[in-house]
Amino acid sequence: MIELSPTERRALRAAAHHLNPTVAIAGNGLTANVLKEIDLSLKSHELIKVKLHGIERDDRAALLTEICTELGCAPVQNIGNILVLWRPKPEGEEEAKPRRRRAAAPKTKKQAAAALEKKARKK
């Protein structure tokens, strides 16, 4: 588990304020698949929120500790049914490049003709 200074924790709490939960833990509890999803989310985002559904108040702290020890992340905040977790991206990992979108196919004959005309003008 990673330890954070109060200053780091405050900055991470502020950064997580606008985030939506990326993973939800419900009736089945913390399964291997849920841990895998949390790990994938941490790899891609570094800072995530986890939503807890139907988990008792006493069990939430134990669940947070278990997640942090299993995945090597830092607990940033625990408010109600929301856990905020942080783990730095592994060294040497490249940023995922956004994929380029292909142009949508024309919907009508008129749009198709306009697209062909536009291609002809470019050449």
C-alpha atoms as a PDB file:
ATOM      1  CA  MET A   1       0.000   0.000   0.000  1.00  0.00           C
ATOM      2  CA  ILE A   2       1.285   3.456  -0.925  1.00  0.00           C
ATOM      3  CA  GLU A   3       1.397   6.131   1.770  1.00  0.00           C
ATOM      4  CA  LEU A   4       0.455   9.698   0.828  1.00  0.00           C
ATOM      5  CA  SER A   5       1.313  12.944   2.558  1.00  0.00           C
ATOM      6  CA  PRO A   6      -1.588  15.185   3.578  1.00  0.00           C
ATOM      7  CA  THR A   7      -0.701  17.630   0.797  1.00  0.00           C
ATOM      8  CA  GLU A   8      -0.714  14.902  -1.865  1.00  0.00           C
ATOM      9  CA  ARG A   9      -3.970  13.484  -0.505  1.00  0.00           C
ATOM     10  CA  ARG A  10      -5.624  16.939  -0.619  1.00  0.00           C
ATOM     11  CA  ALA A  11      -4.543  17.477  -4.238  1.00  0.00           C
ATOM     12  CA  LEU A  12      -5.809  14.029  -5.266  1.00  0.00           C
ATOM     13  CA  ARG A  13      -9.140  14.588  -3.503  1.00  0.00           C
ATOM     14  CA  ALA A  14      -9.564  17.827  -5.431  1.00  0.00           C
ATOM     15  CA  ALA A  15      -8.699  16.114  -8.723  1.00  0.00           C
ATOM     16  CA  ALA A  16     -11.157  13.280  -8.032  1.00  0.00           C
ATOM     17  CA  HIS A  17     -14.045  15.576  -7.189  1.00  0.00           C
ATOM     18  CA  HIS A  18     -15.462  15.698 -10.725  1.00  0.00           C
ATOM     19  CA  LEU A  19     -14.867  12.011 -11.554  1.00  0.00           C
ATOM     20  CA  ASN A  20     -17.635   9.467 -11.922  1.00  0.00           C
ATOM     21  CA  PRO A  21     -17.235   5.964 -10.443  1.00  0.00           C
ATOM     22  CA  THR A  22     -15.566   3.581 -12.905  1.00  0.00           C
ATOM     23  CA  VAL A  23     -16.123   0.344 -10.956  1.00  0.00           C
ATOM     24  CA  ALA A  24     -19.023  -0.813  -8.795  1.00  0.00           C
ATOM     25  CA  ILE A  25     -18.926  -3.450  -6.069  1.00  0.00           C
ATOM     26  CA  ALA A  26     -22.292  -5.005  -5.239  1.00  0.00           C
ATOM     27  CA  GLY A  27     -23.751  -8.073  -3.544  1.00  0.00           C
ATOM     28  CA  ASN A  28     -21.045 -10.547  -4.576  1.00  0.00           C
ATOM     29  CA  GLY A  29     -18.396  -8.423  -2.884  1.00  0.00           C
ATOM     30  CA  LEU A  30     -14.775  -8.217  -3.909  1.00  0.00           C
ATOM     31  CA  THR A  31     -14.275 -10.968  -6.489  1.00  0.00           C
ATOM     32  CA  ALA A  32     -11.276 -11.659  -8.700  1.00  0.00           C
ATOM     33  CA  ASN A  33     -13.052 -10.038 -11.670  1.00  0.00           C
ATOM     34  CA  VAL A  34     -13.780  -6.877  -9.692  1.00  0.00           C
ATOM     35  CA  LEU A  35     -10.125  -6.663  -8.628  1.00  0.00           C
ATOM     36  CA  LYS A  36      -9.101  -7.094 -12.260  1.00  0.00           C
ATOM     37  CA  GLU A  37     -11.400  -4.242 -13.340  1.00  0.00           C
ATOM     38  CA  ILE A  38     -10.071  -1.969 -10.602  1.00  0.00           C
ATOM     39  CA  ASP A  39      -6.512  -2.817 -11.676  1.00  0.00           C
ATOM     40  CA  LEU A  40      -7.284  -2.027 -15.338  1.00  0.00           C
ATOM     41  CA  SER A  41      -8.926   1.252 -14.369  1.00  0.00           C
ATOM     42  CA  LEU A  42      -5.939   2.241 -12.232  1.00  0.00           C
ATOM     43  CA  LYS A  43      -3.548   1.407 -15.087  1.00  0.00           C
ATOM     44  CA  SER A  44      -5.412   3.631 -17.508  1.00  0.00           C
ATOM     45  CA  HIS A  45      -6.575   6.482 -15.252  1.00  0.00           C
ATOM     46  CA  GLU A  46      -4.324   6.487 -12.126  1.00  0.00           C
ATOM     47  CA  LEU A  47      -7.104   8.078 -10.028  1.00  0.00           C
ATOM     48  CA  ILE A  48     -10.501   6.353  -9.832  1.00  0.00           C
ATOM     49  CA  LYS A  49     -13.688   6.189  -7.829  1.00  0.00           C
ATOM     50  CA  VAL A  50     -15.277   2.898  -6.779  1.00  0.00           C
ATOM     51  CA  LYS A  51     -18.981   2.772  -5.896  1.00  0.00           C
ATOM     52  CA  LEU A  52     -20.141   0.346  -3.192  1.00  0.00           C
ATOM     53  CA  HIS A  53     -23.702  -1.017  -3.305  1.00  0.00           C
ATOM     54  CA  GLY A  54     -25.229  -2.727  -0.275  1.00  0.00           C
ATOM     55  CA  ILE A  55     -22.035  -3.043   1.765  1.00  0.00           C
ATOM     56  CA  GLU A  56     -22.268  -2.337   5.487  1.00  0.00           C
ATOM     57  CA  ARG A  57     -20.391   0.588   7.015  1.00  0.00           C
ATOM     58  CA  ASP A  58     -18.104  -1.642   9.107  1.00  0.00           C
ATOM     59  CA  ASP A  59     -17.102  -3.695   6.072  1.00  0.00           C
ATOM     60  CA  ARG A  60     -16.163  -0.681   3.912  1.00  0.00           C
ATOM     61  CA  ALA A  61     -12.904   0.079   5.743  1.00  0.00           C
ATOM     62  CA  ALA A  62     -11.837  -3.571   5.564  1.00  0.00           C
ATOM     63  CA  LEU A  63     -12.711  -3.657   1.861  1.00  0.00           C
ATOM     64  CA  LEU A  64     -10.658  -0.512   1.206  1.00  0.00           C
ATOM     65  CA  THR A  65      -7.660  -1.967   3.019  1.00  0.00           C
ATOM     66  CA  GLU A  66      -7.950  -5.260   1.128  1.00  0.00           C
ATOM     67  CA  ILE A  67      -8.123  -3.527  -2.265  1.00  0.00           C
ATOM     68  CA  CYS A  68      -5.118  -1.338  -1.484  1.00  0.00           C
ATOM     69  CA  THR A  69      -2.931  -4.219  -0.272  1.00  0.00           C
ATOM     70  CA  GLU A  70      -3.878  -6.485  -3.206  1.00  0.00           C
ATOM     71  CA  LEU A  71      -3.290  -3.868  -5.910  1.00  0.00           C
ATOM     72  CA  GLY A  72      -0.596  -1.701  -4.322  1.00  0.00           C
ATOM     73  CA  CYS A  73      -2.603   1.499  -4.517  1.00  0.00           C
ATOM     74  CA  ALA A  74      -3.182   4.345  -2.089  1.00  0.00           C
ATOM     75  CA  PRO A  75      -6.492   5.091  -0.391  1.00  0.00           C
ATOM     76  CA  VAL A  76      -7.245   8.750  -1.036  1.00  0.00           C
ATOM     77  CA  GLN A  77     -10.717   9.103   0.407  1.00  0.00           C
ATOM     78  CA  ASN A  78     -13.644   7.095   1.748  1.00  0.00           C
ATOM     79  CA  ILE A  79     -16.923   8.993   1.864  1.00  0.00           C
ATOM     80  CA  GLY A  80     -20.158   7.063   2.256  1.00  0.00           C
ATOM     81  CA  ASN A  81     -20.409   4.512  -0.533  1.00  0.00           C
ATOM     82  CA  ILE A  82     -17.548   5.959  -2.602  1.00  0.00           C
ATOM     83  CA  LEU A  83     -13.880   4.950  -2.404  1.00  0.00           C
ATOM     84  CA  VAL A  84     -11.202   7.021  -4.130  1.00  0.00           C
ATOM     85  CA  LEU A  85      -8.030   5.139  -5.108  1.00  0.00           C
ATOM     86  CA  TRP A  86      -4.750   6.267  -6.665  1.00  0.00           C
ATOM     87  CA  ARG A  87      -1.753   4.458  -8.103  1.00  0.00           C
ATOM     88  CA  PRO A  88       0.919   5.994 -10.350  1.00  0.00           C
ATOM     89  CA  LYS A  89       1.221   4.633 -13.861  1.00  0.00           C
ATOM     90  CA  PRO A  90       3.998   2.047 -14.279  1.00  0.00           C
ATOM     91  CA  GLU A  91       7.300   3.340 -15.650  1.00  0.00           C
ATOM     92  CA  GLY A  92       7.833   2.948 -19.372  1.00  0.00           C
ATOM     93  CA  GLU A  93       4.098   2.715 -20.114  1.00  0.00           C
ATOM     94  CA  GLU A  94       3.162   4.808 -23.082  1.00  0.00           C
ATOM     95  CA  GLU A  95       0.090   6.971 -23.104  1.00  0.00           C
ATOM     96  CA  ALA A  96      -2.719   5.420 -25.085  1.00  0.00           C
ATOM     97  CA  LYS A  97      -3.109   7.343 -28.310  1.00  0.00           C
ATOM     98  CA  PRO A  98      -6.664   8.227 -29.245  1.00  0.00           C
ATOM     99  CA  ARG A  99      -7.937   6.295 -32.205  1.00  0.00           C
ATOM    100  CA  ARG A 100      -8.782   8.141 -35.358  1.00  0.00           C
ATOM    101  CA  ARG A 101     -12.388   8.025 -36.374  1.00  0.00           C
ATOM    102  CA  ARG A 102     -13.358   7.009 -39.843  1.00  0.00           C
ATOM    103  CA  ALA A 103     -15.683   9.259 -41.717  1.00  0.00           C
ATOM    104  CA  ALA A 104     -19.289   8.140 -41.479  1.00  0.00           C
ATOM    105  CA  ALA A 105     -20.862   6.696 -44.595  1.00  0.00           C
ATOM    106  CA  PRO A 106     -23.272   9.056 -46.368  1.00  0.00           C
ATOM    107  CA  LYS A 107     -26.905   8.524 -45.421  1.00  0.00           C
ATOM    108  CA  THR A 108     -28.633   9.609 -48.624  1.00  0.00           C
ATOM    109  CA  LYS A 109     -27.943   9.572 -52.360  1.00  0.00           C
ATOM    110  CA  LYS A 110     -27.505  13.335 -52.312  1.00  0.00           C
ATOM    111  CA  GLN A 111     -24.874  13.104 -49.548  1.00  0.00           C
ATOM    112  CA  ALA A 112     -23.072  10.303 -51.420  1.00  0.00           C
ATOM    113  CA  ALA A 113     -22.969  12.417 -54.595  1.00  0.00           C
ATOM    114  CA  ALA A 114     -21.650  15.401 -52.639  1.00  0.00           C
ATOM    115  CA  ALA A 115     -18.926  13.221 -51.075  1.00  0.00           C
ATOM    116  CA  LEU A 116     -17.851  11.930 -54.516  1.00  0.00           C
ATOM    117  CA  GLU A 117     -17.792  15.457 -55.872  1.00  0.00           C
ATOM    118  CA  LYS A 118     -15.672  16.612 -52.947  1.00  0.00           C
ATOM    119  CA  LYS A 119     -13.199  13.753 -53.549  1.00  0.00           C
ATOM    120  CA  ALA A 120     -12.991  14.639 -57.247  1.00  0.00           C
ATOM    121  CA  ARG A 121     -12.202  18.268 -56.411  1.00  0.00           C
ATOM    122  CA  LYS A 122      -9.354  17.260 -54.097  1.00  0.00           C
ATOM    123  CA  LYS A 123      -7.610  15.269 -56.839  1.00  0.00           C
END
